[in-house]
PDB file of N, CA and C in Angstrom:
ATOM      1  N   MET A   1     172.030  54.256 160.597  1.00  0.00           N
ATOM      2  CA  MET A   1     170.954  54.742 160.253  1.00  0.00           C
ATOM      3  C   MET A   1     171.105  55.207 159.072  1.00  0.00           C
ATOM      4  N   ALA A   2     172.206  55.341 158.077  1.00  0.00           N
ATOM      5  CA  ALA A   2     172.516  55.978 156.883  1.00  0.00           C
ATOM      6  C   ALA A   2     171.702  55.312 155.997  1.00  0.00           C
ATOM      7  N   ASP A   3     171.055  54.102 156.191  1.00  0.00           N
ATOM      8  CA  ASP A   3     170.291  53.499 154.973  1.00  0.00           C
ATOM      9  C   ASP A   3     168.868  53.454 155.137  1.00  0.00           C
ATOM     10  N   ARG A   4     168.788  55.124 155.933  1.00  0.00           N
ATOM     11  CA  ARG A   4     166.931  55.178 155.398  1.00  0.00           C
ATOM     12  C   ARG A   4     166.902  56.641 155.196  1.00  0.00           C
ATOM     13  N   LEU A   5     165.791  56.719 154.886  1.00  0.00           N
ATOM     14  CA  LEU A   5     164.906  57.727 153.701  1.00  0.00           C
ATOM     15  C   LEU A   5     164.326  58.660 155.162  1.00  0.00           C
ATOM     16  N   VAL A   6     164.567  59.541 155.459  1.00  0.00           N
ATOM     17  CA  VAL A   6     163.871  60.206 156.158  1.00  0.00           C
ATOM     18  C   VAL A   6     162.891  61.318 155.618  1.00  0.00           C
ATOM     19  N   ILE A   7     161.564  61.099 155.737  1.00  0.00           N
ATOM     20  CA  ILE A   7     160.611  62.288 155.248  1.00  0.00           C
ATOM     21  C   ILE A   7     159.807  62.966 156.130  1.00  0.00           C
ATOM     22  N   LYS A   8     159.733  64.342 156.008  1.00  0.00           N
ATOM     23  CA  LYS A   8     159.075  65.140 157.113  1.00  0.00           C
ATOM     24  C   LYS A   8     157.764  65.399 155.936  1.00  0.00           C
ATOM     25  N   LYS A   9     156.877  65.504 157.116  1.00  0.00           N
ATOM     26  CA  LYS A   9     155.332  65.697 156.913  1.00  0.00           C
ATOM     27  C   LYS A   9     155.410  67.054 156.422  1.00  0.00           C
ATOM     28  N   ARG A  10     154.417  67.463 155.343  1.00  0.00           N
ATOM     29  CA  ARG A  10     154.133  68.972 155.287  1.00  0.00           C
ATOM     30  C   ARG A  10     153.829  69.269 156.263  1.00  0.00           C
ATOM     31  N   GLY A  11     154.092  70.443 156.540  1.00  0.00           N
ATOM     32  CA  GLY A  11     153.393  71.398 157.635  1.00  0.00           C
ATOM     33  C   GLY A  11     154.492  71.703 158.682  1.00  0.00           C
ATOM     34  N   ASP A  12     155.494  70.348 158.576  1.00  0.00           N
ATOM     35  CA  ASP A  12     156.621  70.979 159.791  1.00  0.00           C
ATOM     36  C   ASP A  12     158.032  71.630 159.772  1.00  0.00           C
ATOM     37  N   ASP A  13     157.658  72.684 158.368  1.00  0.00           N
ATOM     38  CA  ASP A  13     158.962  73.249 158.382  1.00  0.00           C
ATOM     39  C   ASP A  13     158.847  74.504 159.075  1.00  0.00           C
ATOM     40  N   GLY A  14     157.413  74.798 159.538  1.00  0.00           N
ATOM     41  CA  GLY A  14     157.185  76.215 160.253  1.00  0.00           C
ATOM     42  C   GLY A  14     156.323  76.956 159.478  1.00  0.00           C
ATOM     43  N   TYR A  15     155.703  76.750 158.290  1.00  0.00           N
ATOM     44  CA  TYR A  15     154.794  77.127 157.540  1.00  0.00           C
ATOM     45  C   TYR A  15     153.664  76.755 157.277  1.00  0.00           C
ATOM     46  N   LYS A  16     152.338  77.399 157.444  1.00  0.00           N
ATOM     47  CA  LYS A  16     151.005  76.930 156.976  1.00  0.00           C
ATOM     48  C   LYS A  16     150.456  77.210 155.660  1.00  0.00           C
ATOM     49  N   THR A  17     150.131  76.475 154.808  1.00  0.00           N
ATOM     50  CA  THR A  17     149.612  77.117 153.414  1.00  0.00           C
ATOM     51  C   THR A  17     148.210  77.073 153.793  1.00  0.00           C
ATOM     52  N   PHE A  18     147.668  78.291 153.037  1.00  0.00           N
ATOM     53  CA  PHE A  18     146.156  78.306 153.388  1.00  0.00           C
ATOM     54  C   PHE A  18     145.985  79.374 151.966  1.00  0.00           C
ATOM     55  N   SER A  19     144.253  79.770 151.744  1.00  0.00           N
ATOM     56  CA  SER A  19     144.099  80.420 150.303  1.00  0.00           C
ATOM     57  C   SER A  19     142.921  81.530 151.097  1.00  0.00           C
ATOM     58  N   ILE A  20     144.148  82.800 150.419  1.00  0.00           N
ATOM     59  CA  ILE A  20     142.521  83.972 150.601  1.00  0.00           C
ATOM     60  C   ILE A  20     142.343  84.830 149.328  1.00  0.00           C
ATOM     61  N   ARG A  21     141.237  85.608 149.560  1.00  0.00           N
ATOM     62  CA  ARG A  21     140.793  86.021 148.143  1.00  0.00           C
ATOM     63  C   ARG A  21     141.262  87.591 148.071  1.00  0.00           C
ATOM     64  N   ILE A  22     141.782  87.825 147.180  1.00  0.00           N
ATOM     65  CA  ILE A  22     142.340  89.389 147.212  1.00  0.00           C
ATOM     66  C   ILE A  22     142.347  90.233 145.763  1.00  0.00           C
ATOM     67  N   LYS A  23     141.969  91.365 145.816  1.00  0.00           N
ATOM     68  CA  LYS A  23     141.277  91.730 144.793  1.00  0.00           C
ATOM     69  C   LYS A  23     142.193  92.197 143.641  1.00  0.00           C
ATOM     70  N   ASN A  24     142.042  92.227 142.683  1.00  0.00           N
ATOM     71  CA  ASN A  24     142.760  92.189 141.584  1.00  0.00           C
ATOM     72  C   ASN A  24     143.837  93.086 141.212  1.00  0.00           C
ATOM     73  N   GLU A  25     143.321  94.458 141.641  1.00  0.00           N
ATOM     74  CA  GLU A  25     144.442  95.294 141.839  1.00  0.00           C
ATOM     75  C   GLU A  25     145.698  95.367 142.941  1.00  0.00           C
ATOM     76  N   THR A  26     144.880  94.582 143.943  1.00  0.00           N
ATOM     77  CA  THR A  26     146.361  94.320 144.935  1.00  0.00           C
ATOM     78  C   THR A  26     147.156  93.339 144.298  1.00  0.00           C
ATOM     79  N   VAL A  27     146.578  92.148 143.619  1.00  0.00           N
ATOM     80  CA  VAL A  27     147.454  91.063 143.378  1.00  0.00           C
ATOM     81  C   VAL A  27     148.404  91.796 142.311  1.00  0.00           C
ATOM     82  N   ASP A  28     148.210  92.677 140.731  1.00  0.00           N
ATOM     83  CA  ASP A  28     148.888  93.736 140.000  1.00  0.00           C
ATOM     84  C   ASP A  28     149.480  94.019 140.764  1.00  0.00           C
ATOM     85  N   LYS A  29     149.456  95.061 141.966  1.00  0.00           N
ATOM     86  CA  LYS A  29     150.634  95.883 142.381  1.00  0.00           C
ATOM     87  C   LYS A  29     151.682  94.640 143.655  1.00  0.00           C
ATOM     88  N   ILE A  30     151.022  93.477 143.839  1.00  0.00           N
ATOM     89  CA  ILE A  30     152.264  92.552 144.477  1.00  0.00           C
ATOM     90  C   ILE A  30     152.738  92.201 143.149  1.00  0.00           C
ATOM     91  N   ASP A  31     152.202  91.528 142.068  1.00  0.00           N
ATOM     92  CA  ASP A  31     152.963  90.999 140.945  1.00  0.00           C
ATOM     93  C   ASP A  31     154.012  91.734 140.004  1.00  0.00           C
ATOM     94  N   LYS A  32     153.937  93.310 140.278  1.00  0.00           N
ATOM     95  CA  LYS A  32     154.530  94.270 139.559  1.00  0.00           C
ATOM     96  C   LYS A  32     155.961  94.412 140.971  1.00  0.00           C
ATOM     97  N   ILE A  33     155.881  94.522 142.199  1.00  0.00           N
ATOM     98  CA  ILE A  33     156.792  94.867 142.827  1.00  0.00           C
ATOM     99  C   ILE A  33     157.538  93.453 142.831  1.00  0.00           C
ATOM    100  N   ALA A  34     156.956  91.982 142.858  1.00  0.00           N
ATOM    101  CA  ALA A  34     157.359  90.770 142.493  1.00  0.00           C
ATOM    102  C   ALA A  34     158.466  90.499 141.595  1.00  0.00           C
ATOM    103  N   SER A  35     157.954  91.212 140.336  1.00  0.00           N
ATOM    104  CA  SER A  35     158.969  91.328 139.065  1.00  0.00           C
ATOM    105  C   SER A  35     160.037  92.345 139.367  1.00  0.00           C
ATOM    106  N   GLU A  36     159.750  93.602 139.625  1.00  0.00           N
ATOM    107  CA  GLU A  36     160.944  94.330 140.203  1.00  0.00           C
ATOM    108  C   GLU A  36     161.856  94.028 140.960  1.00  0.00           C
ATOM    109  N   SER A  37     161.786  93.092 142.010  1.00  0.00           N
ATOM    110  CA  SER A  37     162.556  92.835 142.876  1.00  0.00           C
ATOM    111  C   SER A  37     163.126  91.269 142.973  1.00  0.00           C
ATOM    112  N   ASN A  38     162.775  90.893 141.694  1.00  0.00           N
ATOM    113  CA  ASN A  38     162.922  89.263 141.484  1.00  0.00           C
ATOM    114  C   ASN A  38     162.809  88.218 142.308  1.00  0.00           C
ATOM    115  N   LEU A  39     161.925  88.807 143.360  1.00  0.00           N
ATOM    116  CA  LEU A  39     161.316  87.749 144.491  1.00  0.00           C
ATOM    117  C   LEU A  39     160.010  87.257 144.018  1.00  0.00           C
ATOM    118  N   SER A  40     159.226  86.096 144.512  1.00  0.00           N
ATOM    119  CA  SER A  40     158.078  85.713 144.175  1.00  0.00           C
ATOM    120  C   SER A  40     157.113  86.166 144.935  1.00  0.00           C
ATOM    121  N   ARG A  41     155.901  86.028 144.252  1.00  0.00           N
ATOM    122  CA  ARG A  41     155.296  86.606 145.076  1.00  0.00           C
ATOM    123  C   ARG A  41     154.684  86.431 146.337  1.00  0.00           C
ATOM    124  N   ASN A  42     155.146  84.670 146.658  1.00  0.00           N
ATOM    125  CA  ASN A  42     155.067  84.713 148.293  1.00  0.00           C
ATOM    126  C   ASN A  42     155.534  85.042 148.793  1.00  0.00           C
ATOM    127  N   GLN A  43     156.905  85.086 148.178  1.00  0.00           N
ATOM    128  CA  GLN A  43     158.318  85.897 149.337  1.00  0.00           C
ATOM    129  C   GLN A  43     157.553  87.374 149.615  1.00  0.00           C
ATOM    130  N   ILE A  44     157.080  88.100 148.422  1.00  0.00           N
ATOM    131  CA  ILE A  44     156.515  89.413 148.711  1.00  0.00           C
ATOM    132  C   ILE A  44     155.342  89.828 149.722  1.00  0.00           C
ATOM    133  N   ILE A  45     154.691  88.906 150.022  1.00  0.00           N
ATOM    134  CA  ILE A  45     153.065  88.632 150.630  1.00  0.00           C
ATOM    135  C   ILE A  45     153.829  88.281 152.178  1.00  0.00           C
ATOM    136  N   GLN A  46     154.637  87.387 152.296  1.00  0.00           N
ATOM    137  CA  GLN A  46     155.377  87.188 153.608  1.00  0.00           C
ATOM    138  C   GLN A  46     155.912  88.523 154.334  1.00  0.00           C
ATOM    139  N   GLU A  47     156.710  88.981 152.998  1.00  0.00           N
ATOM    140  CA  GLU A  47     157.316  90.449 153.943  1.00  0.00           C
ATOM    141  C   GLU A  47     156.771  91.785 153.877  1.00  0.00           C
ATOM    142  N   MET A  48     155.777  91.622 153.503  1.00  0.00           N
ATOM    143  CA  MET A  48     154.268  92.434 153.509  1.00  0.00           C
ATOM    144  C   MET A  48     153.170  92.077 155.019  1.00  0.00           C
ATOM    145  N   LEU A  49     153.214  90.961 155.516  1.00  0.00           N
ATOM    146  CA  LEU A  49     152.768  90.498 156.357  1.00  0.00           C
ATOM    147  C   LEU A  49     153.488  90.843 157.775  1.00  0.00           C
ATOM    148  N   ASP A  50     154.663  90.109 157.320  1.00  0.00           N
ATOM    149  CA  ASP A  50     155.537  90.098 158.419  1.00  0.00           C
ATOM    150  C   ASP A  50     155.564  91.986 158.940  1.00  0.00           C
ATOM    151  N   PHE A  51     155.742  92.714 158.187  1.00  0.00           N
ATOM    152  CA  PHE A  51     155.481  94.534 158.171  1.00  0.00           C
ATOM    153  C   PHE A  51     154.373  94.855 158.958  1.00  0.00           C
ATOM    154  N   ALA A  52     153.370  94.377 158.448  1.00  0.00           N
ATOM    155  CA  ALA A  52     151.920  95.250 158.979  1.00  0.00           C
ATOM    156  C   ALA A  52     151.911  94.597 160.416  1.00  0.00           C
ATOM    157  N   SER A  53     151.770  93.395 160.410  1.00  0.00           N
ATOM    158  CA  SER A  53     151.295  92.317 161.384  1.00  0.00           C
ATOM    159  C   SER A  53     152.290  93.334 162.730  1.00  0.00           C
ATOM    160  N   ASP A  54     153.739  93.828 162.784  1.00  0.00           N
ATOM    161  CA  ASP A  54     154.311  94.359 163.546  1.00  0.00           C
ATOM    162  C   ASP A  54     153.787  95.655 164.153  1.00  0.00           C
ATOM    163  N   LYS A  55     153.257  96.497 162.911  1.00  0.00           N
ATOM    164  CA  LYS A  55     152.765  97.912 163.282  1.00  0.00           C
ATOM    165  C   LYS A  55     151.230  98.212 163.423  1.00  0.00           C
ATOM    166  N   ILE A  56     150.204  97.088 163.370  1.00  0.00           N
ATOM    167  CA  ILE A  56     149.189  97.448 163.533  1.00  0.00           C
ATOM    168  C   ILE A  56     148.935  97.500 165.155  1.00  0.00           C
ATOM    169  N   GLU A  57     148.036  98.747 165.093  1.00  0.00           N
ATOM    170  CA  GLU A  57     146.942  99.360 166.794  1.00  0.00           C
ATOM    171  C   GLU A  57     145.881  98.818 166.286  1.00  0.00           C
ATOM    172  N   ILE A  58     145.043  97.934 167.141  1.00  0.00           N
ATOM    173  CA  ILE A  58     143.748  97.726 167.744  1.00  0.00           C
ATOM    174  C   ILE A  58     143.545  98.716 168.413  1.00  0.00           C
ATOM    175  N   GLN A  59     142.351  99.430 168.085  1.00  0.00           N
ATOM    176  CA  GLN A  59     141.344 100.546 169.184  1.00  0.00           C
ATOM    177  C   GLN A  59     140.445 100.179 170.035  1.00  0.00           C
ATOM    178  N   LYS A  60     140.187 100.157 170.890  1.00  0.00           N
ATOM    179  CA  LYS A  60     138.982  99.925 172.194  1.00  0.00           C
ATOM    180  C   LYS A  60     138.045 101.257 172.113  1.00  0.00           C
TER     181      LYS A  60
END
């Protein structure tokens, strides 16, 4: 089967793409962090979401 090119469908990498609206001030903060850390905006947002999602407590 070495003569075949295998192409995975988009989304099969365990990630999902979607749009969100973010305040300009928040984008500025994220961009500053990205610039200072030499990471992409996407990587920063992923790290922030991973951190926050483990720290959220829903009050009843």
